[in-house]
Structure formats: C-alpha cells, structure tokens
C-alpha cells in the first residue's frame, strides 16, 4: 500500500468536523473517523479509484454518509 501524507490544513478540518459531530450526537464522530479511514484505505489500495478533479492531477473521493470529499494526488 502507498503511504498517506495528510496535509496539515486537512487535519485541522477533520478535527473540527469530528468535534462538530461529537457535539451533535454521541458516537457520530467515531462514525466519521471510520468513514474517513475506510476511504483512505480504499485510496491506498487503488489510487486510481477517485475521479479526476477538473484538468488537474488531483483526484477526489467522496466520503460515504458524510458531506466530505478527500482530495489527493498520487506521488
């Protein structure tokens, strides 16, 4: 599997989302963490899985059940 490097701003955004869901309902933040971890795992196994973002080298993958998208590039 390919290693994953998470951009510092993406980590801040994820931490804020986790805190938001924690305030909304018990265990919902764990569901978000799990969904993101699964998405990253799928991307690691198959980097071509995500759709291309416009005319760039970036790809994106939609996190299931939550309104979040992971943008990434394969190096």
PDB file of N, CA and C in Angstrom:
ATOM      1  N   UNK A   1       0.835  -1.192   0.000  1.00  0.00           N
ATOM      2  CA  UNK A   1       0.000   0.000   0.000  1.00  0.00           C
ATOM      3  C   UNK A   1       0.873   1.246   0.000  1.00  0.00           C
ATOM      4  N   UNK A   2       0.358   2.252  -0.598  1.00  0.00           N
ATOM      5  CA  UNK A   2       1.070   3.519  -0.651  1.00  0.00           C
ATOM      6  C   UNK A   2       0.906   4.253   0.673  1.00  0.00           C
ATOM      7  N   UNK A   3       1.963   4.959   1.112  1.00  0.00           N
ATOM      8  CA  UNK A   3       1.835   5.757   2.330  1.00  0.00           C
ATOM      9  C   UNK A   3       0.943   6.975   2.074  1.00  0.00           C
ATOM     10  N   UNK A   4       0.342   7.460   3.134  1.00  0.00           N
ATOM     11  CA  UNK A   4      -0.541   8.623   3.044  1.00  0.00           C
ATOM     12  C   UNK A   4       0.052   9.753   3.879  1.00  0.00           C
ATOM     13  N   UNK A   5       0.109  10.924   3.275  1.00  0.00           N
ATOM     14  CA  UNK A   5       0.537  12.124   3.987  1.00  0.00           C
ATOM     15  C   UNK A   5      -0.656  13.070   3.997  1.00  0.00           C
ATOM     16  N   UNK A   6      -1.117  13.398   5.177  1.00  0.00           N
ATOM     17  CA  UNK A   6      -2.292  14.268   5.303  1.00  0.00           C
ATOM     18  C   UNK A   6      -1.824  15.704   5.507  1.00  0.00           C
ATOM     19  N   UNK A   7      -2.292  16.581   4.647  1.00  0.00           N
ATOM     20  CA  UNK A   7      -1.943  18.000   4.729  1.00  0.00           C
ATOM     21  C   UNK A   7      -2.384  18.552   6.084  1.00  0.00           C
ATOM     22  N   UNK A   8      -1.595  19.450   6.636  1.00  0.00           N
ATOM     23  CA  UNK A   8      -1.894  19.981   7.977  1.00  0.00           C
ATOM     24  C   UNK A   8      -3.261  20.670   8.030  1.00  0.00           C
ATOM     25  N   UNK A   9      -3.654  21.386   6.978  1.00  0.00           N
ATOM     26  CA  UNK A   9      -4.962  22.045   6.982  1.00  0.00           C
ATOM     27  C   UNK A   9      -6.085  21.022   6.889  1.00  0.00           C
ATOM     28  N   UNK A  10      -5.852  19.943   6.159  1.00  0.00           N
ATOM     29  CA  UNK A  10      -6.858  18.878   6.086  1.00  0.00           C
ATOM     30  C   UNK A  10      -7.043  18.242   7.454  1.00  0.00           C
ATOM     31  N   UNK A  11      -5.962  18.092   8.207  1.00  0.00           N
ATOM     32  CA  UNK A  11      -6.045  17.529   9.566  1.00  0.00           C
ATOM     33  C   UNK A  11      -6.862  18.463  10.459  1.00  0.00           C
ATOM     34  N   UNK A  12      -6.634  19.770  10.338  1.00  0.00           N
ATOM     35  CA  UNK A  12      -7.402  20.745  11.126  1.00  0.00           C
ATOM     36  C   UNK A  12      -8.884  20.651  10.761  1.00  0.00           C
ATOM     37  N   UNK A  13      -9.178  20.589   9.467  1.00  0.00           N
ATOM     38  CA  UNK A  13     -10.572  20.485   9.017  1.00  0.00           C
ATOM     39  C   UNK A  13     -11.231  19.218   9.562  1.00  0.00           C
ATOM     40  N   UNK A  14     -10.513  18.109   9.509  1.00  0.00           N
ATOM     41  CA  UNK A  14     -11.065  16.849  10.011  1.00  0.00           C
ATOM     42  C   UNK A  14     -11.295  16.914  11.516  1.00  0.00           C
ATOM     43  N   UNK A  15     -10.339  17.459  12.241  1.00  0.00           N
ATOM     44  CA  UNK A  15     -10.507  17.592  13.697  1.00  0.00           C
ATOM     45  C   UNK A  15     -11.711  18.460  14.045  1.00  0.00           C
ATOM     46  N   UNK A  16     -11.919  19.535  13.288  1.00  0.00           N
ATOM     47  CA  UNK A  16     -13.081  20.397  13.522  1.00  0.00           C
ATOM     48  C   UNK A  16     -14.384  19.651  13.221  1.00  0.00           C
ATOM     49  N   UNK A  17     -14.391  18.883  12.160  1.00  0.00           N
ATOM     50  CA  UNK A  17     -15.591  18.110  11.810  1.00  0.00           C
ATOM     51  C   UNK A  17     -15.882  17.061  12.877  1.00  0.00           C
ATOM     52  N   UNK A  18     -14.853  16.409  13.366  1.00  0.00           N
ATOM     53  CA  UNK A  18     -15.029  15.415  14.424  1.00  0.00           C
ATOM     54  C   UNK A  18     -15.605  16.070  15.673  1.00  0.00           C
ATOM     55  N   UNK A  19     -15.096  17.232  16.039  1.00  0.00           N
ATOM     56  CA  UNK A  19     -15.609  17.949  17.210  1.00  0.00           C
ATOM     57  C   UNK A  19     -17.073  18.352  16.991  1.00  0.00           C
ATOM     58  N   UNK A  20     -17.403  18.792  15.780  1.00  0.00           N
ATOM     59  CA  UNK A  20     -18.784  19.168  15.463  1.00  0.00           C
ATOM     60  C   UNK A  20     -19.718  17.988  15.652  1.00  0.00           C
ATOM     61  N   UNK A  21     -19.363  16.847  15.067  1.00  0.00           N
ATOM     62  CA  UNK A  21     -20.224  15.673  15.176  1.00  0.00           C
ATOM     63  C   UNK A  21     -20.291  15.134  16.598  1.00  0.00           C
ATOM     64  N   UNK A  22     -19.233  15.314  17.350  1.00  0.00           N
ATOM     65  CA  UNK A  22     -19.248  14.904  18.754  1.00  0.00           C
ATOM     66  C   UNK A  22     -20.290  15.694  19.536  1.00  0.00           C
ATOM     67  N   UNK A  23     -20.434  16.979  19.203  1.00  0.00           N
ATOM     68  CA  UNK A  23     -21.431  17.814  19.881  1.00  0.00           C
ATOM     69  C   UNK A  23     -22.853  17.484  19.428  1.00  0.00           C
ATOM     70  N   UNK A  24     -22.994  16.953  18.208  1.00  0.00           N
ATOM     71  CA  UNK A  24     -24.318  16.676  17.666  1.00  0.00           C
ATOM     72  C   UNK A  24     -24.948  15.417  18.249  1.00  0.00           C
ATOM     73  N   UNK A  25     -24.167  14.341  18.289  1.00  0.00           N
ATOM     74  CA  UNK A  25     -24.720  13.069  18.738  1.00  0.00           C
ATOM     75  C   UNK A  25     -23.582  12.141  19.161  1.00  0.00           C
ATOM     76  N   UNK A  26     -23.808  11.441  20.230  1.00  0.00           N
ATOM     77  CA  UNK A  26     -22.821  10.513  20.746  1.00  0.00           C
ATOM     78  C   UNK A  26     -22.439   9.493  19.684  1.00  0.00           C
ATOM     79  N   UNK A  27     -21.163   9.250  19.558  1.00  0.00           N
ATOM     80  CA  UNK A  27     -20.562   8.250  18.670  1.00  0.00           C
ATOM     81  C   UNK A  27     -20.584   8.646  17.192  1.00  0.00           C
ATOM     82  N   UNK A  28     -21.217   9.738  16.833  1.00  0.00           N
ATOM     83  CA  UNK A  28     -21.232  10.140  15.426  1.00  0.00           C
ATOM     84  C   UNK A  28     -19.832  10.511  14.959  1.00  0.00           C
ATOM     85  N   UNK A  29     -19.035  11.073  15.848  1.00  0.00           N
ATOM     86  CA  UNK A  29     -17.664  11.427  15.480  1.00  0.00           C
ATOM     87  C   UNK A  29     -16.845  10.175  15.163  1.00  0.00           C
ATOM     88  N   UNK A  30     -17.143   9.075  15.852  1.00  0.00           N
ATOM     89  CA  UNK A  30     -16.454   7.811  15.567  1.00  0.00           C
ATOM     90  C   UNK A  30     -16.852   7.280  14.193  1.00  0.00           C
ATOM     91  N   UNK A  31     -18.109   7.481  13.827  1.00  0.00           N
ATOM     92  CA  UNK A  31     -18.567   7.076  12.504  1.00  0.00           C
ATOM     93  C   UNK A  31     -17.834   7.859  11.415  1.00  0.00           C
ATOM     94  N   UNK A  32     -17.626   9.163  11.643  1.00  0.00           N
ATOM     95  CA  UNK A  32     -16.888   9.980  10.682  1.00  0.00           C
ATOM     96  C   UNK A  32     -15.446   9.498  10.578  1.00  0.00           C
ATOM     97  N   UNK A  33     -14.802   9.281  11.719  1.00  0.00           N
ATOM     98  CA  UNK A  33     -13.417   8.777  11.697  1.00  0.00           C
ATOM     99  C   UNK A  33     -13.322   7.477  10.916  1.00  0.00           C
ATOM    100  N   UNK A  34     -14.242   6.574  11.175  1.00  0.00           N
ATOM    101  CA  UNK A  34     -14.240   5.281  10.491  1.00  0.00           C
ATOM    102  C   UNK A  34     -14.447   5.454   8.992  1.00  0.00           C
ATOM    103  N   UNK A  35     -15.373   6.307   8.612  1.00  0.00           N
ATOM    104  CA  UNK A  35     -15.651   6.536   7.188  1.00  0.00           C
ATOM    105  C   UNK A  35     -14.431   7.112   6.479  1.00  0.00           C
ATOM    106  N   UNK A  36     -13.737   8.054   7.126  1.00  0.00           N
ATOM    107  CA  UNK A  36     -12.543   8.660   6.533  1.00  0.00           C
ATOM    108  C   UNK A  36     -11.424   7.624   6.447  1.00  0.00           C
ATOM    109  N   UNK A  37     -11.238   6.852   7.502  1.00  0.00           N
ATOM    110  CA  UNK A  37     -10.196   5.819   7.487  1.00  0.00           C
ATOM    111  C   UNK A  37     -10.456   4.793   6.380  1.00  0.00           C
ATOM    112  N   UNK A  38     -11.696   4.397   6.206  1.00  0.00           N
ATOM    113  CA  UNK A  38     -12.041   3.446   5.140  1.00  0.00           C
ATOM    114  C   UNK A  38     -11.785   4.041   3.764  1.00  0.00           C
ATOM    115  N   UNK A  39     -12.157   5.299   3.602  1.00  0.00           N
ATOM    116  CA  UNK A  39     -11.927   5.960   2.317  1.00  0.00           C
ATOM    117  C   UNK A  39     -10.432   6.034   2.011  1.00  0.00           C
ATOM    118  N   UNK A  40      -9.652   6.404   2.991  1.00  0.00           N
ATOM    119  CA  UNK A  40      -8.206   6.474   2.784  1.00  0.00           C
ATOM    120  C   UNK A  40      -7.641   5.087   2.471  1.00  0.00           C
ATOM    121  N   UNK A  41      -8.129   4.074   3.153  1.00  0.00           N
ATOM    122  CA  UNK A  41      -7.694   2.710   2.878  1.00  0.00           C
ATOM    123  C   UNK A  41      -8.002   2.284   1.455  1.00  0.00           C
ATOM    124  N   UNK A  42      -9.173   2.631   0.988  1.00  0.00           N
ATOM    125  CA  UNK A  42      -9.552   2.291  -0.391  1.00  0.00           C
ATOM    126  C   UNK A  42      -8.669   3.031  -1.397  1.00  0.00           C
ATOM    127  N   UNK A  43      -8.367   4.292  -1.102  1.00  0.00           N
ATOM    128  CA  UNK A  43      -7.495   5.074  -1.977  1.00  0.00           C
ATOM    129  C   UNK A  43      -6.091   4.469  -1.991  1.00  0.00           C
ATOM    130  N   UNK A  44      -5.606   4.054  -0.816  1.00  0.00           N
ATOM    131  CA  UNK A  44      -4.279   3.440  -0.740  1.00  0.00           C
ATOM    132  C   UNK A  44      -4.214   2.175  -1.592  1.00  0.00           C
ATOM    133  N   UNK A  45      -5.246   1.375  -1.546  1.00  0.00           N
ATOM    134  CA  UNK A  45      -5.257   0.127  -2.299  1.00  0.00           C
ATOM    135  C   UNK A  45      -5.373   0.357  -3.799  1.00  0.00           C
ATOM    136  N   UNK A  46      -6.080   1.407  -4.173  1.00  0.00           N
ATOM    137  CA  UNK A  46      -6.291   1.695  -5.593  1.00  0.00           C
ATOM    138  C   UNK A  46      -6.300   3.205  -5.810  1.00  0.00           C
ATOM    139  N   UNK A  47      -5.129   3.817  -5.980  1.00  0.00           N
ATOM    140  CA  UNK A  47      -5.059   5.278  -6.135  1.00  0.00           C
ATOM    141  C   UNK A  47      -5.839   5.822  -7.334  1.00  0.00           C
ATOM    142  N   UNK A  48      -6.131   4.982  -8.311  1.00  0.00           N
ATOM    143  CA  UNK A  48      -6.881   5.438  -9.484  1.00  0.00           C
ATOM    144  C   UNK A  48      -8.396   5.442  -9.234  1.00  0.00           C
ATOM    145  N   UNK A  49      -8.798   5.074  -8.042  1.00  0.00           N
ATOM    146  CA  UNK A  49     -10.216   4.948  -7.704  1.00  0.00           C
ATOM    147  C   UNK A  49     -10.964   6.276  -7.793  1.00  0.00           C
ATOM    148  N   UNK A  50     -10.358   7.330  -7.313  1.00  0.00           N
ATOM    149  CA  UNK A  50     -11.023   8.630  -7.310  1.00  0.00           C
ATOM    150  C   UNK A  50     -11.104   9.242  -8.697  1.00  0.00           C
ATOM    151  N   UNK A  51     -12.095  10.081  -8.882  1.00  0.00           N
ATOM    152  CA  UNK A  51     -12.269  10.769 -10.162  1.00  0.00           C
ATOM    153  C   UNK A  51     -11.290  11.937 -10.267  1.00  0.00           C
ATOM    154  N   UNK A  52     -10.904  12.244 -11.483  1.00  0.00           N
ATOM    155  CA  UNK A  52     -10.028  13.405 -11.698  1.00  0.00           C
ATOM    156  C   UNK A  52     -10.793  14.686 -11.367  1.00  0.00           C
ATOM    157  N   UNK A  53     -10.066  15.632 -10.796  1.00  0.00           N
ATOM    158  CA  UNK A  53     -10.655  16.928 -10.463  1.00  0.00           C
ATOM    159  C   UNK A  53     -10.295  17.925 -11.562  1.00  0.00           C
ATOM    160  N   UNK A  54     -11.286  18.281 -12.347  1.00  0.00           N
ATOM    161  CA  UNK A  54     -11.110  19.205 -13.474  1.00  0.00           C
ATOM    162  C   UNK A  54      -9.944  18.749 -14.346  1.00  0.00           C
ATOM    163  N   UNK A  55      -9.117  19.678 -14.769  1.00  0.00           N
ATOM    164  CA  UNK A  55      -7.991  19.347 -15.653  1.00  0.00           C
ATOM    165  C   UNK A  55      -6.682  19.331 -14.855  1.00  0.00           C
ATOM    166  N   UNK A  56      -6.733  18.807 -13.626  1.00  0.00           N
ATOM    167  CA  UNK A  56      -5.546  18.781 -12.773  1.00  0.00           C
ATOM    168  C   UNK A  56      -5.090  17.340 -12.562  1.00  0.00           C
ATOM    169  N   UNK A  57      -3.991  17.194 -11.852  1.00  0.00           N
ATOM    170  CA  UNK A  57      -3.523  15.864 -11.461  1.00  0.00           C
ATOM    171  C   UNK A  57      -4.182  15.398 -10.169  1.00  0.00           C
ATOM    172  N   UNK A  58      -5.002  16.255  -9.577  1.00  0.00           N
ATOM    173  CA  UNK A  58      -5.695  15.881  -8.348  1.00  0.00           C
ATOM    174  C   UNK A  58      -6.839  14.921  -8.643  1.00  0.00           C
ATOM    175  N   UNK A  59      -7.129  14.102  -7.667  1.00  0.00           N
ATOM    176  CA  UNK A  59      -8.294  13.233  -7.710  1.00  0.00           C
ATOM    177  C   UNK A  59      -9.118  13.502  -6.465  1.00  0.00           C
ATOM    178  N   UNK A  60     -10.367  13.078  -6.490  1.00  0.00           N
ATOM    179  CA  UNK A  60     -11.196  13.240  -5.300  1.00  0.00           C
ATOM    180  C   UNK A  60     -12.006  11.977  -5.057  1.00  0.00           C
ATOM    181  N   UNK A  61     -12.324  11.790  -3.799  1.00  0.00           N
ATOM    182  CA  UNK A  61     -13.090  10.615  -3.370  1.00  0.00           C
ATOM    183  C   UNK A  61     -14.102  11.090  -2.343  1.00  0.00           C
ATOM    184  N   UNK A  62     -15.363  10.767  -2.550  1.00  0.00           N
ATOM    185  CA  UNK A  62     -16.430  11.222  -1.658  1.00  0.00           C
ATOM    186  C   UNK A  62     -16.540  10.258  -0.480  1.00  0.00           C
ATOM    187  N   UNK A  63     -16.539  10.821   0.727  1.00  0.00           N
ATOM    188  CA  UNK A  63     -16.659  10.024   1.950  1.00  0.00           C
ATOM    189  C   UNK A  63     -18.117   9.614   2.096  1.00  0.00           C
ATOM    190  N   UNK A  64     -18.346   8.344   2.257  1.00  0.00           N
ATOM    191  CA  UNK A  64     -19.721   7.840   2.391  1.00  0.00           C
ATOM    192  C   UNK A  64     -20.374   8.340   3.673  1.00  0.00           C
ATOM    193  N   UNK A  65     -21.625   8.676   3.560  1.00  0.00           N
ATOM    194  CA  UNK A  65     -22.510   9.056   4.658  1.00  0.00           C
ATOM    195  C   UNK A  65     -22.284  10.470   5.181  1.00  0.00           C
ATOM    196  N   UNK A  66     -21.173  11.078   4.865  1.00  0.00           N
ATOM    197  CA  UNK A  66     -20.868  12.415   5.365  1.00  0.00           C
ATOM    198  C   UNK A  66     -20.585  13.343   4.188  1.00  0.00           C
ATOM    199  N   UNK A  67     -20.840  14.639   4.380  1.00  0.00           N
ATOM    200  CA  UNK A  67     -20.634  15.588   3.277  1.00  0.00           C
ATOM    201  C   UNK A  67     -19.176  16.044   3.165  1.00  0.00           C
ATOM    202  N   UNK A  68     -18.285  15.087   2.971  1.00  0.00           N
ATOM    203  CA  UNK A  68     -16.863  15.413   2.883  1.00  0.00           C
ATOM    204  C   UNK A  68     -16.250  14.732   1.670  1.00  0.00           C
ATOM    205  N   UNK A  69     -15.247  15.392   1.131  1.00  0.00           N
ATOM    206  CA  UNK A  69     -14.526  14.891  -0.027  1.00  0.00           C
ATOM    207  C   UNK A  69     -13.041  14.882   0.315  1.00  0.00           C
ATOM    208  N   UNK A  70     -12.362  13.835  -0.082  1.00  0.00           N
ATOM    209  CA  UNK A  70     -10.914  13.760   0.094  1.00  0.00           C
ATOM    210  C   UNK A  70     -10.282  14.061  -1.258  1.00  0.00           C
ATOM    211  N   UNK A  71      -9.475  15.111  -1.314  1.00  0.00           N
ATOM    212  CA  UNK A  71      -8.695  15.424  -2.499  1.00  0.00           C
ATOM    213  C   UNK A  71      -7.314  14.855  -2.285  1.00  0.00           C
ATOM    214  N   UNK A  72      -6.753  14.254  -3.336  1.00  0.00           N
ATOM    215  CA  UNK A  72      -5.430  13.658  -3.185  1.00  0.00           C
ATOM    216  C   UNK A  72      -4.714  13.606  -4.526  1.00  0.00           C
ATOM    217  N   UNK A  73      -3.409  13.398  -4.433  1.00  0.00           N
ATOM    218  CA  UNK A  73      -2.621  13.167  -5.629  1.00  0.00           C
ATOM    219  C   UNK A  73      -1.690  11.994  -5.346  1.00  0.00           C
ATOM    220  N   UNK A  74      -1.437  11.236  -6.383  1.00  0.00           N
ATOM    221  CA  UNK A  74      -0.533  10.108  -6.261  1.00  0.00           C
ATOM    222  C   UNK A  74       0.857  10.592  -6.640  1.00  0.00           C
ATOM    223  N   UNK A  75       1.790  10.400  -5.722  1.00  0.00           N
ATOM    224  CA  UNK A  75       3.166  10.841  -5.995  1.00  0.00           C
ATOM    225  C   UNK A  75       4.030   9.663  -6.360  1.00  0.00           C
TER     226      UNK A  75
END
